[in-house]
C-alpha atoms as a PDB file:
ATOM      1  CA  MET A   1      20.204  12.858 -24.141  1.00  0.00           C
ATOM      2  CA  LYS A   2      23.173  14.142 -23.653  1.00  0.00           C
ATOM      3  CA  PHE A   3      22.677  17.181 -23.714  1.00  0.00           C
ATOM      4  CA  LEU A   4      20.187  16.317 -21.224  1.00  0.00           C
ATOM      5  CA  LYS A   5      22.771  14.684 -18.498  1.00  0.00           C
ATOM      6  CA  THR A   6      24.607  17.634 -19.483  1.00  0.00           C
ATOM      7  CA  ALA A   7      21.707  20.078 -17.882  1.00  0.00           C
ATOM      8  CA  LEU A   8      20.734  17.819 -15.352  1.00  0.00           C
ATOM      9  CA  ALA A   9      24.484  16.946 -13.699  1.00  0.00           C
ATOM     10  CA  THR A  10      24.866  21.141 -13.940  1.00  0.00           C
ATOM     11  CA  THR A  11      21.438  21.282 -11.916  1.00  0.00           C
ATOM     12  CA  ALA A  12      22.954  18.719  -9.176  1.00  0.00           C
ATOM     13  CA  LEU A  13      26.201  20.710  -8.752  1.00  0.00           C
ATOM     14  CA  ALA A  14      25.369  23.696  -8.498  1.00  0.00           C
ATOM     15  CA  ILE A  15      22.553  22.366  -4.875  1.00  0.00           C
ATOM     16  CA  GLY A  16      24.940  19.724  -4.071  1.00  0.00           C
ATOM     17  CA  VAL A  17      22.866  17.523  -2.733  1.00  0.00           C
ATOM     18  CA  SER A  18      25.341  14.239  -2.374  1.00  0.00           C
ATOM     19  CA  ALA A  19      23.999  11.512   0.463  1.00  0.00           C
ATOM     20  CA  GLY A  20      23.901   7.107   1.375  1.00  0.00           C
ATOM     21  CA  SER A  21      25.484   5.069  -1.702  1.00  0.00           C
ATOM     22  CA  ALA A  22      25.034   8.993  -4.436  1.00  0.00           C
ATOM     23  CA  SER A  23      28.173   9.819  -5.560  1.00  0.00           C
ATOM     24  CA  ALA A  24      29.724  14.044  -5.035  1.00  0.00           C
ATOM     25  CA  ASP A  25      27.371  15.004  -8.096  1.00  0.00           C
ATOM     26  CA  GLU A  26      24.234  12.809  -7.462  1.00  0.00           C
ATOM     27  CA  ILE A  27      21.310  13.707  -5.839  1.00  0.00           C
ATOM     28  CA  GLU A  28      20.140  10.651  -3.261  1.00  0.00           C
ATOM     29  CA  VAL A  29      16.377  10.357  -4.537  1.00  0.00           C
ATOM     30  CA  LYS A  30      14.856   8.160  -1.009  1.00  0.00           C
ATOM     31  CA  PHE A  31      12.645   6.132  -1.322  1.00  0.00           C
ATOM     32  CA  GLY A  32      10.945   4.517   1.619  1.00  0.00           C
ATOM     33  CA  HIS A  33       8.473   1.395   2.573  1.00  0.00           C
ATOM     34  CA  VAL A  34       6.962  -1.391   4.881  1.00  0.00           C
ATOM     35  CA  GLY A  35       7.179  -3.693   2.595  1.00  0.00           C
ATOM     36  CA  GLY A  36       9.982  -6.881   3.810  1.00  0.00           C
ATOM     37  CA  PRO A  37      12.049  -8.918   1.646  1.00  0.00           C
ATOM     38  CA  GLY A  38      10.362 -10.365  -1.362  1.00  0.00           C
ATOM     39  CA  SER A  39       7.141  -8.935  -0.546  1.00  0.00           C
ATOM     40  CA  LEU A  40       4.957  -6.964  -3.973  1.00  0.00           C
ATOM     41  CA  PHE A  41       5.986  -3.182  -2.177  1.00  0.00           C
ATOM     42  CA  GLU A  42      10.321  -4.028  -2.289  1.00  0.00           C
ATOM     43  CA  ILE A  43      10.082  -5.897  -6.458  1.00  0.00           C
ATOM     44  CA  THR A  44       8.129  -2.782  -7.299  1.00  0.00           C
ATOM     45  CA  ALA A  45      10.418  -0.653  -5.287  1.00  0.00           C
ATOM     46  CA  ASN A  46      13.647  -1.532  -6.424  1.00  0.00           C
ATOM     47  CA  ARG A  47      12.078  -2.603 -10.471  1.00  0.00           C
ATOM     48  CA  PHE A  48      11.490   1.077  -9.700  1.00  0.00           C
ATOM     49  CA  ALA A  49      14.968   1.803  -8.897  1.00  0.00           C
ATOM     50  CA  GLU A  50      16.906   0.452 -11.526  1.00  0.00           C
ATOM     51  CA  LEU A  51      14.520   1.826 -14.409  1.00  0.00           C
ATOM     52  CA  ALA A  52      14.782   4.600 -12.766  1.00  0.00           C
ATOM     53  CA  ASN A  53      19.007   5.015 -12.182  1.00  0.00           C
ATOM     54  CA  GLU A  54      19.001   3.560 -15.683  1.00  0.00           C
ATOM     55  CA  ARG A  55      17.862   7.389 -16.867  1.00  0.00           C
ATOM     56  CA  LEU A  56      19.674   9.678 -14.904  1.00  0.00           C
ATOM     57  CA  GLU A  57      23.117   7.939 -14.147  1.00  0.00           C
ATOM     58  CA  GLY A  58      25.724  10.556 -13.056  1.00  0.00           C
ATOM     59  CA  VAL A  59      22.221  13.275 -12.897  1.00  0.00           C
ATOM     60  CA  ALA A  60      20.637  11.410  -9.309  1.00  0.00           C
ATOM     61  CA  GLU A  61      20.014   7.994  -8.047  1.00  0.00           C
ATOM     62  CA  VAL A  62      17.138   6.452  -5.962  1.00  0.00           C
ATOM     63  CA  ASN A  63      18.178   4.490  -3.104  1.00  0.00           C
ATOM     64  CA  VAL A  64      15.603   2.251  -1.571  1.00  0.00           C
ATOM     65  CA  TYR A  65      14.916   1.294   1.989  1.00  0.00           C
ATOM     66  CA  GLY A  66      12.440  -1.169   2.606  1.00  0.00           C
ATOM     67  CA  SER A  67      11.260  -2.950   5.957  1.00  0.00           C
ATOM     68  CA  SER A  68      10.776  -0.187   7.996  1.00  0.00           C
ATOM     69  CA  GLN A  69      14.709   1.349   7.441  1.00  0.00           C
ATOM     70  CA  LEU A  70      13.032   4.627   7.688  1.00  0.00           C
ATOM     71  CA  GLY A  71      10.185   3.704  10.003  1.00  0.00           C
ATOM     72  CA  GLY A  72       5.804   3.022   9.937  1.00  0.00           C
ATOM     73  CA  ASP A  73       3.737   4.717   7.681  1.00  0.00           C
ATOM     74  CA  SER A  74       3.149   7.071   9.727  1.00  0.00           C
ATOM     75  CA  SER A  75       6.688   8.118  10.802  1.00  0.00           C
ATOM     76  CA  MET A  76       7.085   7.718   6.483  1.00  0.00           C
ATOM     77  CA  LEU A  77       4.438  10.744   5.504  1.00  0.00           C
ATOM     78  CA  ARG A  78       6.217  13.166   8.332  1.00  0.00           C
ATOM     79  CA  ARG A  79       9.244  12.826   7.056  1.00  0.00           C
ATOM     80  CA  LEU A  80       7.115  13.158   3.632  1.00  0.00           C
ATOM     81  CA  ARG A  81       5.687  16.669   5.057  1.00  0.00           C
ATOM     82  CA  LEU A  82       9.275  17.881   6.744  1.00  0.00           C
ATOM     83  CA  GLY A  83      11.231  16.439   2.804  1.00  0.00           C
ATOM     84  CA  THR A  84      13.171  14.486   4.577  1.00  0.00           C
ATOM     85  CA  LEU A  85      12.452  11.273   2.720  1.00  0.00           C
ATOM     86  CA  ASP A  86      11.419  11.874  -0.698  1.00  0.00           C
ATOM     87  CA  LEU A  87       9.363   9.521  -1.950  1.00  0.00           C
ATOM     88  CA  SER A  88       7.463   6.437   0.004  1.00  0.00           C
ATOM     89  CA  LEU A  89       4.401   3.561  -0.804  1.00  0.00           C
ATOM     90  CA  PRO A  90       1.514   4.243   1.753  1.00  0.00           C
ATOM     91  CA  SER A  91      -1.420   2.322   1.692  1.00  0.00           C
ATOM     92  CA  THR A  92      -4.429   2.128   4.305  1.00  0.00           C
ATOM     93  CA  ILE A  93      -2.811   4.844   5.979  1.00  0.00           C
ATOM     94  CA  MET A  94      -3.950   7.195   3.841  1.00  0.00           C
ATOM     95  CA  SER A  95      -6.998   6.692   4.928  1.00  0.00           C
ATOM     96  CA  SER A  96      -6.007   8.911   7.663  1.00  0.00           C
ATOM     97  CA  GLU A  97      -4.919  11.441   6.267  1.00  0.00           C
ATOM     98  CA  ASP A  98      -7.806  12.639   4.216  1.00  0.00           C
ATOM     99  CA  ASP A  99     -11.858  10.025   4.175  1.00  0.00           C
ATOM    100  CA  ARG A 100     -12.276   9.916   1.000  1.00  0.00           C
ATOM    101  CA  PHE A 101      -8.712   6.531   0.435  1.00  0.00           C
ATOM    102  CA  ALA A 102     -11.096   5.323   3.404  1.00  0.00           C
ATOM    103  CA  LEU A 103     -13.094   4.056  -0.400  1.00  0.00           C
ATOM    104  CA  PHE A 104     -10.690   1.101  -0.406  1.00  0.00           C
ATOM    105  CA  GLU A 105     -11.669   0.253   3.108  1.00  0.00           C
ATOM    106  CA  MET A 106     -15.533  -1.284   1.239  1.00  0.00           C
ATOM    107  CA  PRO A 107     -15.268  -4.394   1.212  1.00  0.00           C
ATOM    108  CA  TYR A 108     -15.719  -6.676  -1.719  1.00  0.00           C
ATOM    109  CA  LEU A 109     -15.799  -2.387  -3.940  1.00  0.00           C
ATOM    110  CA  ILE A 110     -12.869  -3.669  -5.624  1.00  0.00           C
ATOM    111  CA  ALA A 111     -13.635  -6.882  -8.496  1.00  0.00           C
ATOM    112  CA  ASP A 112     -10.765  -7.743  -9.865  1.00  0.00           C
ATOM    113  CA  ARG A 113      -7.683  -6.512 -11.358  1.00  0.00           C
ATOM    114  CA  GLU A 114      -9.050  -5.187 -14.293  1.00  0.00           C
ATOM    115  CA  HIS A 115     -11.575  -3.124 -12.420  1.00  0.00           C
ATOM    116  CA  MET A 116      -9.193  -1.716 -10.573  1.00  0.00           C
ATOM    117  CA  LYS A 117      -7.112  -0.110 -13.417  1.00  0.00           C
ATOM    118  CA  LYS A 118     -10.767   1.829 -14.638  1.00  0.00           C
ATOM    119  CA  VAL A 119     -10.989   2.836 -10.991  1.00  0.00           C
ATOM    120  CA  ARG A 120      -7.314   4.379 -11.221  1.00  0.00           C
ATOM    121  CA  GLU A 121      -7.985   6.071 -13.760  1.00  0.00           C
ATOM    122  CA  GLU A 122     -11.246   7.752 -13.086  1.00  0.00           C
ATOM    123  CA  VAL A 123     -11.158   7.545  -9.548  1.00  0.00           C
ATOM    124  CA  VAL A 124      -7.536   7.341  -8.412  1.00  0.00           C
ATOM    125  CA  LYS A 125      -5.838  10.020 -10.193  1.00  0.00           C
ATOM    126  CA  THR A 126      -8.438  12.658 -10.697  1.00  0.00           C
ATOM    127  CA  ASP A 127     -10.277  12.881  -6.857  1.00  0.00           C
ATOM    128  CA  LEU A 128      -7.813  10.790  -4.450  1.00  0.00           C
ATOM    129  CA  TYR A 129      -4.578  12.382  -6.132  1.00  0.00           C
ATOM    130  CA  ASP A 130      -6.701  15.938  -5.651  1.00  0.00           C
ATOM    131  CA  ALA A 131      -6.906  15.173  -2.032  1.00  0.00           C
ATOM    132  CA  ALA A 132      -3.753  14.238  -1.264  1.00  0.00           C
ATOM    133  CA  GLU A 133      -2.672  17.480  -2.740  1.00  0.00           C
ATOM    134  CA  GLU A 134      -4.591  19.083  -0.292  1.00  0.00           C
ATOM    135  CA  ARG A 135      -2.900  17.284   2.846  1.00  0.00           C
ATOM    136  CA  GLY A 136       1.110  18.621   1.129  1.00  0.00           C
ATOM    137  CA  PHE A 137       1.455  15.021  -1.051  1.00  0.00           C
ATOM    138  CA  LYS A 138       2.055  14.350  -4.400  1.00  0.00           C
ATOM    139  CA  ILE A 139       1.313  10.792  -5.923  1.00  0.00           C
ATOM    140  CA  ILE A 140       2.632   9.868  -9.349  1.00  0.00           C
ATOM    141  CA  GLY A 141       2.279   6.470  -9.235  1.00  0.00           C
ATOM    142  CA  VAL A 142      -1.290   4.217  -8.300  1.00  0.00           C
ATOM    143  CA  TRP A 143       0.759   0.639  -6.773  1.00  0.00           C
ATOM    144  CA  GLU A 144      -0.582  -2.694  -5.203  1.00  0.00           C
ATOM    145  CA  ASN A 145      -1.035  -3.192  -1.906  1.00  0.00           C
ATOM    146  CA  GLY A 146      -3.218  -6.054  -3.229  1.00  0.00           C
ATOM    147  CA  THR A 147      -5.958  -8.145  -1.935  1.00  0.00           C
ATOM    148  CA  ARG A 148      -6.272  -8.560   1.880  1.00  0.00           C
ATOM    149  CA  HIS A 149      -7.089 -12.032   3.546  1.00  0.00           C
ATOM    150  CA  ILE A 150      -8.045 -12.583   7.407  1.00  0.00           C
ATOM    151  CA  THR A 151      -4.614 -15.540   9.478  1.00  0.00           C
ATOM    152  CA  ASN A 152      -5.502 -16.204  13.390  1.00  0.00           C
ATOM    153  CA  ASN A 153      -4.802 -18.504  16.357  1.00  0.00           C
ATOM    154  CA  GLU A 154      -7.611 -18.941  17.073  1.00  0.00           C
ATOM    155  CA  ARG A 155     -10.409 -20.756  14.670  1.00  0.00           C
ATOM    156  CA  PRO A 156     -10.985 -20.431  10.671  1.00  0.00           C
ATOM    157  CA  ILE A 157     -13.576 -17.782   9.719  1.00  0.00           C
ATOM    158  CA  ASN A 158     -16.239 -18.701   8.223  1.00  0.00           C
ATOM    159  CA  THR A 159     -18.702 -15.797   8.673  1.00  0.00           C
ATOM    160  CA  PRO A 160     -18.338 -12.434  10.140  1.00  0.00           C
ATOM    161  CA  ASP A 161     -19.558 -14.122  13.602  1.00  0.00           C
ATOM    162  CA  ASP A 162     -16.634 -16.107  13.699  1.00  0.00           C
ATOM    163  CA  LEU A 163     -14.309 -12.706  14.286  1.00  0.00           C
ATOM    164  CA  ASP A 164     -16.598 -12.319  17.298  1.00  0.00           C
ATOM    165  CA  GLY A 165     -13.550 -11.093  20.016  1.00  0.00           C
ATOM    166  CA  ILE A 166     -10.751 -11.809  17.828  1.00  0.00           C
ATOM    167  CA  LYS A 167      -7.898  -9.866  18.640  1.00  0.00           C
ATOM    168  CA  LEU A 168      -7.021  -8.790  15.105  1.00  0.00           C
ATOM    169  CA  ARG A 169      -4.373  -6.247  14.508  1.00  0.00           C
ATOM    170  CA  THR A 170      -5.515  -4.155  11.525  1.00  0.00           C
ATOM    171  CA  PRO A 171      -3.009  -1.111   9.561  1.00  0.00           C
ATOM    172  CA  SER A 172      -4.104   2.477  11.338  1.00  0.00           C
ATOM    173  CA  GLY A 173      -7.031   3.904   9.757  1.00  0.00           C
ATOM    174  CA  VAL A 174     -10.134   4.145  11.564  1.00  0.00           C
ATOM    175  CA  TRP A 175     -12.187   2.739   8.616  1.00  0.00           C
ATOM    176  CA  ARG A 176     -10.683  -0.758   9.019  1.00  0.00           C
ATOM    177  CA  VAL A 177     -11.360  -1.134  12.881  1.00  0.00           C
ATOM    178  CA  GLU A 178     -14.634   0.294  12.212  1.00  0.00           C
ATOM    179  CA  MET A 179     -15.059  -2.183   9.246  1.00  0.00           C
ATOM    180  CA  PHE A 180     -14.436  -5.071  11.669  1.00  0.00           C
ATOM    181  CA  ASN A 181     -15.535  -3.941  14.946  1.00  0.00           C
ATOM    182  CA  SER A 182     -19.042  -4.197  12.774  1.00  0.00           C
ATOM    183  CA  TYR A 183     -18.131  -7.498  12.116  1.00  0.00           C
ATOM    184  CA  GLY A 184     -17.511  -8.460  16.044  1.00  0.00           C
ATOM    185  CA  ALA A 185     -13.529  -8.595  16.260  1.00  0.00           C
ATOM    186  CA  SER A 186     -10.893  -6.137  18.355  1.00  0.00           C
ATOM    187  CA  PRO A 187      -9.351  -4.704  15.503  1.00  0.00           C
ATOM    188  CA  SER A 188      -6.440  -2.835  17.153  1.00  0.00           C
ATOM    189  CA  PRO A 189      -4.620  -0.386  14.736  1.00  0.00           C
ATOM    190  CA  MET A 190      -0.484  -1.265  15.217  1.00  0.00           C
ATOM    191  CA  SER A 191       2.720  -0.990  12.950  1.00  0.00           C
ATOM    192  CA  LEU A 192       3.513  -3.253  10.298  1.00  0.00           C
ATOM    193  CA  SER A 193       7.360  -3.865  11.865  1.00  0.00           C
ATOM    194  CA  GLU A 194       5.385  -4.801  15.075  1.00  0.00           C
ATOM    195  CA  VAL A 195       3.081  -7.411  14.181  1.00  0.00           C
ATOM    196  CA  PHE A 196       5.533  -9.951  14.007  1.00  0.00           C
ATOM    197  CA  VAL A 197       5.916  -9.969  17.992  1.00  0.00           C
ATOM    198  CA  ALA A 198       2.155  -9.626  18.818  1.00  0.00           C
ATOM    199  CA  LEU A 199       1.446 -12.798  17.338  1.00  0.00           C
ATOM    200  CA  GLN A 200       4.050 -14.960  18.704  1.00  0.00           C
ATOM    201  CA  THR A 201       3.215 -14.108  22.066  1.00  0.00           C
ATOM    202  CA  GLY A 202      -0.277 -13.385  21.402  1.00  0.00           C
ATOM    203  CA  ALA A 203      -0.931 -10.257  21.838  1.00  0.00           C
ATOM    204  CA  MET A 204      -3.056 -10.372  18.919  1.00  0.00           C
ATOM    205  CA  ASP A 205      -4.979 -13.431  17.420  1.00  0.00           C
ATOM    206  CA  GLY A 206      -4.652 -12.842  13.895  1.00  0.00           C
ATOM    207  CA  GLN A 207      -4.423  -9.843  11.018  1.00  0.00           C
ATOM    208  CA  GLU A 208      -4.991  -9.636   8.282  1.00  0.00           C
ATOM    209  CA  ASN A 209      -2.734  -8.246   4.985  1.00  0.00           C
ATOM    210  CA  PRO A 210      -2.303  -9.833   1.178  1.00  0.00           C
ATOM    211  CA  LEU A 211      -0.524 -12.743   0.904  1.00  0.00           C
ATOM    212  CA  ILE A 212       2.641 -12.210  -0.229  1.00  0.00           C
ATOM    213  CA  GLN A 213       2.524  -9.435   2.617  1.00  0.00           C
ATOM    214  CA  THR A 214       2.041 -11.999   5.085  1.00  0.00           C
ATOM    215  CA  TYR A 215       4.293 -14.740   3.873  1.00  0.00           C
ATOM    216  CA  SER A 216       7.360 -11.988   3.506  1.00  0.00           C
ATOM    217  CA  SER A 217       6.010 -10.690   6.910  1.00  0.00           C
ATOM    218  CA  ARG A 218       6.602 -14.821   8.421  1.00  0.00           C
ATOM    219  CA  PHE A 219       4.086 -13.627   9.918  1.00  0.00           C
ATOM    220  CA  HIS A 220       2.663 -17.558   8.451  1.00  0.00           C
ATOM    221  CA  GLU A 221       5.416 -19.381  11.121  1.00  0.00           C
ATOM    222  CA  VAL A 222       3.192 -18.013  14.273  1.00  0.00           C
ATOM    223  CA  GLN A 223      -0.780 -18.363  12.645  1.00  0.00           C
ATOM    224  CA  ASP A 224      -2.716 -21.644  12.058  1.00  0.00           C
ATOM    225  CA  TYR A 225      -5.065 -20.575   9.986  1.00  0.00           C
ATOM    226  CA  LEU A 226      -5.885 -18.631   6.526  1.00  0.00           C
ATOM    227  CA  SER A 227      -9.046 -17.838   5.634  1.00  0.00           C
ATOM    228  CA  ILE A 228      -9.319 -16.749   2.015  1.00  0.00           C
ATOM    229  CA  SER A 229     -11.744 -13.954   2.395  1.00  0.00           C
ATOM    230  CA  GLY A 230     -10.847 -11.346  -0.198  1.00  0.00           C
ATOM    231  CA  HIS A 231     -12.467  -8.965   1.907  1.00  0.00           C
ATOM    232  CA  VAL A 232     -10.700  -5.152   0.606  1.00  0.00           C
ATOM    233  CA  TYR A 233      -8.042  -4.511  -1.573  1.00  0.00           C
ATOM    234  CA  THR A 234      -5.710  -1.717  -0.907  1.00  0.00           C
ATOM    235  CA  PRO A 235      -3.643  -0.052  -3.791  1.00  0.00           C
ATOM    236  CA  ALA A 236      -0.182   1.810  -2.363  1.00  0.00           C
ATOM    237  CA  TYR A 237       1.159   4.962  -3.870  1.00  0.00           C
ATOM    238  CA  VAL A 238       3.858   6.284  -4.859  1.00  0.00           C
ATOM    239  CA  THR A 239       4.480   9.759  -2.681  1.00  0.00           C
ATOM    240  CA  ALA A 240       5.437  12.929  -2.746  1.00  0.00           C
ATOM    241  CA  GLY A 241       5.728  15.704  -0.846  1.00  0.00           C
ATOM    242  CA  ALA A 242       7.775  18.299   0.187  1.00  0.00           C
ATOM    243  CA  SER A 243      11.497  17.783  -1.377  1.00  0.00           C
ATOM    244  CA  TRP A 244       9.413  17.131  -4.625  1.00  0.00           C
ATOM    245  CA  ASN A 245       9.589  20.509  -6.085  1.00  0.00           C
ATOM    246  CA  ARG A 246      13.166  21.257  -4.841  1.00  0.00           C
ATOM    247  CA  LEU A 247      14.197  18.186  -7.582  1.00  0.00           C
ATOM    248  CA  PRO A 248      15.323  19.524 -11.357  1.00  0.00           C
ATOM    249  CA  GLU A 249      12.030  19.036 -13.127  1.00  0.00           C
ATOM    250  CA  GLU A 250      14.129  17.179 -15.410  1.00  0.00           C
ATOM    251  CA  VAL A 251      14.451  14.408 -12.880  1.00  0.00           C
ATOM    252  CA  ARG A 252      10.551  14.787 -11.976  1.00  0.00           C
ATOM    253  CA  ASP A 253       9.838  14.202 -15.151  1.00  0.00           C
ATOM    254  CA  VAL A 254      11.797  10.711 -15.229  1.00  0.00           C
ATOM    255  CA  LEU A 255      10.708   9.768 -11.621  1.00  0.00           C
ATOM    256  CA  GLN A 256       7.404   9.820 -12.649  1.00  0.00           C
ATOM    257  CA  ASP A 257       7.689   8.508 -16.024  1.00  0.00           C
ATOM    258  CA  VAL A 258       9.003   4.895 -14.266  1.00  0.00           C
ATOM    259  CA  ALA A 259       6.234   4.987 -11.164  1.00  0.00           C
ATOM    260  CA  THR A 260       3.118   5.200 -14.138  1.00  0.00           C
ATOM    261  CA  GLU A 261       4.969   3.076 -16.636  1.00  0.00           C
ATOM    262  CA  LEU A 262       5.135   0.249 -12.764  1.00  0.00           C
ATOM    263  CA  GLU A 263       1.453   0.184 -12.314  1.00  0.00           C
ATOM    264  CA  ASP A 264       0.366  -2.157 -14.532  1.00  0.00           C
ATOM    265  CA  PHE A 265       3.175  -4.291 -13.633  1.00  0.00           C
ATOM    266  CA  ALA A 266       2.184  -3.616 -10.247  1.00  0.00           C
ATOM    267  CA  LEU A 267      -1.261  -5.920 -10.480  1.00  0.00           C
ATOM    268  CA  GLU A 268       0.407  -8.889 -12.950  1.00  0.00           C
ATOM    269  CA  GLU A 269       3.247  -9.165 -10.449  1.00  0.00           C
ATOM    270  CA  GLY A 270       1.137  -8.919  -7.170  1.00  0.00           C
ATOM    271  CA  ALA A 271      -1.076 -10.716  -9.641  1.00  0.00           C
ATOM    272  CA  ARG A 272       1.609 -13.998 -10.207  1.00  0.00           C
ATOM    273  CA  LEU A 273       2.334 -13.524  -6.012  1.00  0.00           C
ATOM    274  CA  ASP A 274      -0.983 -14.262  -5.030  1.00  0.00           C
ATOM    275  CA  GLU A 275      -0.141 -18.284  -7.012  1.00  0.00           C
ATOM    276  CA  GLU A 276       2.470 -18.612  -5.988  1.00  0.00           C
ATOM    277  CA  THR A 277       2.279 -17.533  -2.563  1.00  0.00           C
ATOM    278  CA  LEU A 278      -0.702 -19.500  -1.578  1.00  0.00           C
ATOM    279  CA  GLU A 279       0.912 -22.800  -2.612  1.00  0.00           C
ATOM    280  CA  LYS A 280       3.492 -21.520  -0.390  1.00  0.00           C
ATOM    281  CA  MET A 281       1.311 -21.091   2.817  1.00  0.00           C
ATOM    282  CA  LYS A 282      -0.147 -24.705   2.236  1.00  0.00           C
ATOM    283  CA  ALA A 283       3.095 -26.248   1.934  1.00  0.00           C
ATOM    284  CA  GLU A 284       3.678 -25.290   4.591  1.00  0.00           C
ATOM    285  CA  GLY A 285       1.017 -25.836   7.059  1.00  0.00           C
ATOM    286  CA  MET A 286      -1.224 -23.786   7.686  1.00  0.00           C
ATOM    287  CA  GLN A 287      -5.065 -24.930   7.511  1.00  0.00           C
ATOM    288  CA  VAL A 288      -7.135 -22.508   4.632  1.00  0.00           C
ATOM    289  CA  ASN A 289     -10.647 -22.271   4.627  1.00  0.00           C
ATOM    290  CA  GLU A 290     -12.549 -20.273   2.038  1.00  0.00           C
ATOM    291  CA  VAL A 291     -15.315 -17.880   3.865  1.00  0.00           C
ATOM    292  CA  ASP A 292     -18.915 -17.214   3.042  1.00  0.00           C
ATOM    293  CA  THR A 293     -18.253 -14.898   1.016  1.00  0.00           C
ATOM    294  CA  GLN A 294     -22.079 -14.207   0.874  1.00  0.00           C
ATOM    295  CA  ALA A 295     -22.488 -13.098   5.101  1.00  0.00           C
ATOM    296  CA  PHE A 296     -19.369 -11.098   4.528  1.00  0.00           C
ATOM    297  CA  ILE A 297     -21.634  -8.560   1.752  1.00  0.00           C
ATOM    298  CA  ASP A 298     -24.767  -8.743   4.187  1.00  0.00           C
ATOM    299  CA  ALA A 299     -22.536  -7.675   7.282  1.00  0.00           C
ATOM    300  CA  SER A 300     -20.747  -4.602   5.356  1.00  0.00           C
ATOM    301  CA  GLN A 301     -23.820  -2.494   4.192  1.00  0.00           C
ATOM    302  CA  GLY A 302     -22.980  -1.013   8.496  1.00  0.00           C
ATOM    303  CA  ILE A 303     -20.041   0.516   6.716  1.00  0.00           C
ATOM    304  CA  TYR A 304     -21.358   1.580   2.694  1.00  0.00           C
ATOM    305  CA  ASP A 305     -24.132   3.210   4.058  1.00  0.00           C
ATOM    306  CA  GLN A 306     -21.432   5.708   6.765  1.00  0.00           C
ATOM    307  CA  PHE A 307     -19.515   6.477   4.504  1.00  0.00           C
ATOM    308  CA  GLY A 308     -21.739   7.302   1.846  1.00  0.00           C
ATOM    309  CA  SER A 309     -22.910   9.480   4.563  1.00  0.00           C
ATOM    310  CA  GLU A 310     -19.640  10.626   5.721  1.00  0.00           C
ATOM    311  CA  VAL A 311     -17.432  11.139   3.181  1.00  0.00           C
ATOM    312  CA  ASP A 312     -17.614  14.540   1.407  1.00  0.00           C
ATOM    313  CA  GLY A 313     -18.604  12.847  -2.220  1.00  0.00           C
ATOM    314  CA  GLY A 314     -18.084   9.190  -1.028  1.00  0.00           C
ATOM    315  CA  GLN A 315     -21.539   7.899  -2.360  1.00  0.00           C
ATOM    316  CA  GLU A 316     -21.015   9.194  -5.615  1.00  0.00           C
ATOM    317  CA  MET A 317     -17.014   8.227  -5.859  1.00  0.00           C
ATOM    318  CA  ILE A 318     -18.398   4.151  -5.087  1.00  0.00           C
ATOM    319  CA  GLU A 319     -21.510   4.768  -7.214  1.00  0.00           C
ATOM    320  CA  THR A 320     -18.523   5.462  -9.759  1.00  0.00           C
ATOM    321  CA  VAL A 321     -15.765   2.306  -8.770  1.00  0.00           C
ATOM    322  CA  SER A 322     -19.830   0.251  -8.772  1.00  0.00           C
ATOM    323  CA  SER A 323     -20.968   1.197 -12.667  1.00  0.00           C
ATOM    324  CA  LEU A 324     -17.091   0.487 -13.763  1.00  0.00           C
ATOM    325  CA  ARG A 325     -17.373  -3.199 -12.926  1.00  0.00           C
ATOM    326  CA  GLU A 326     -19.869  -3.046 -16.544  1.00  0.00           C
END
């Protein structure tokens, strides 16, 4: 271990990289995400930095920039490509990079987190890792964004018909827009950092996010109704770009190892936060209802057909994911 740290320190001095709070002889690894205080993104990214920095002390330092400090997801993907950002935590936005990531736009495809563990190993780390590399990115870990539910200020959502005319914010991703269009809503992609004001002013009637993302973004303060739809489960991808191969191999190994180690931690934290956050939102006055899940499933066949026919290998991926439910 002493030899490793000495070798790494020599490499760091040789390339002379320093920034942020890293000391003069340390490499700074910048990790950006859009999650607010208390979000699952913040919890997992901060834990990642803590563990990585313990192993890289004096050699490299991971600094986390949350709450869209470095821009929204689209902006951070551009920075990854340019090499001015080292790591980010995109989710739905990846379906705009490659349609194969829209697998996780298919409603009710993922049964639960145990199912997701299998899909992570059998599908994400094969097909989707390859898709990311074709676009100039390297995924080093699969964490969680979460199971998404609908909030709005118009009415409880029980069936897709109740979404008719609802101005609904979605993340950037054409497939999420297609899905909500098919349900009758009026979806509009928008950066997470802009959503609170849009809901507050009525520019948007509602939004859909995992419970902790909704709560940590304070959307519950400007929304009346929470409908437990569970319409989509979204992973989050610990993603590197052009700067990855400029890092010393030993630093890359530590970052890769820690990102993988935290995959189950992210799922466990997501489950804990779901339970706690739902109770908080009820206590703070949101009107909560369960949707007619079968009605949403029945209304979703069109988006499945479109994905299976239009996306290269799409039908095969759907069948693989379905088979892993057993």
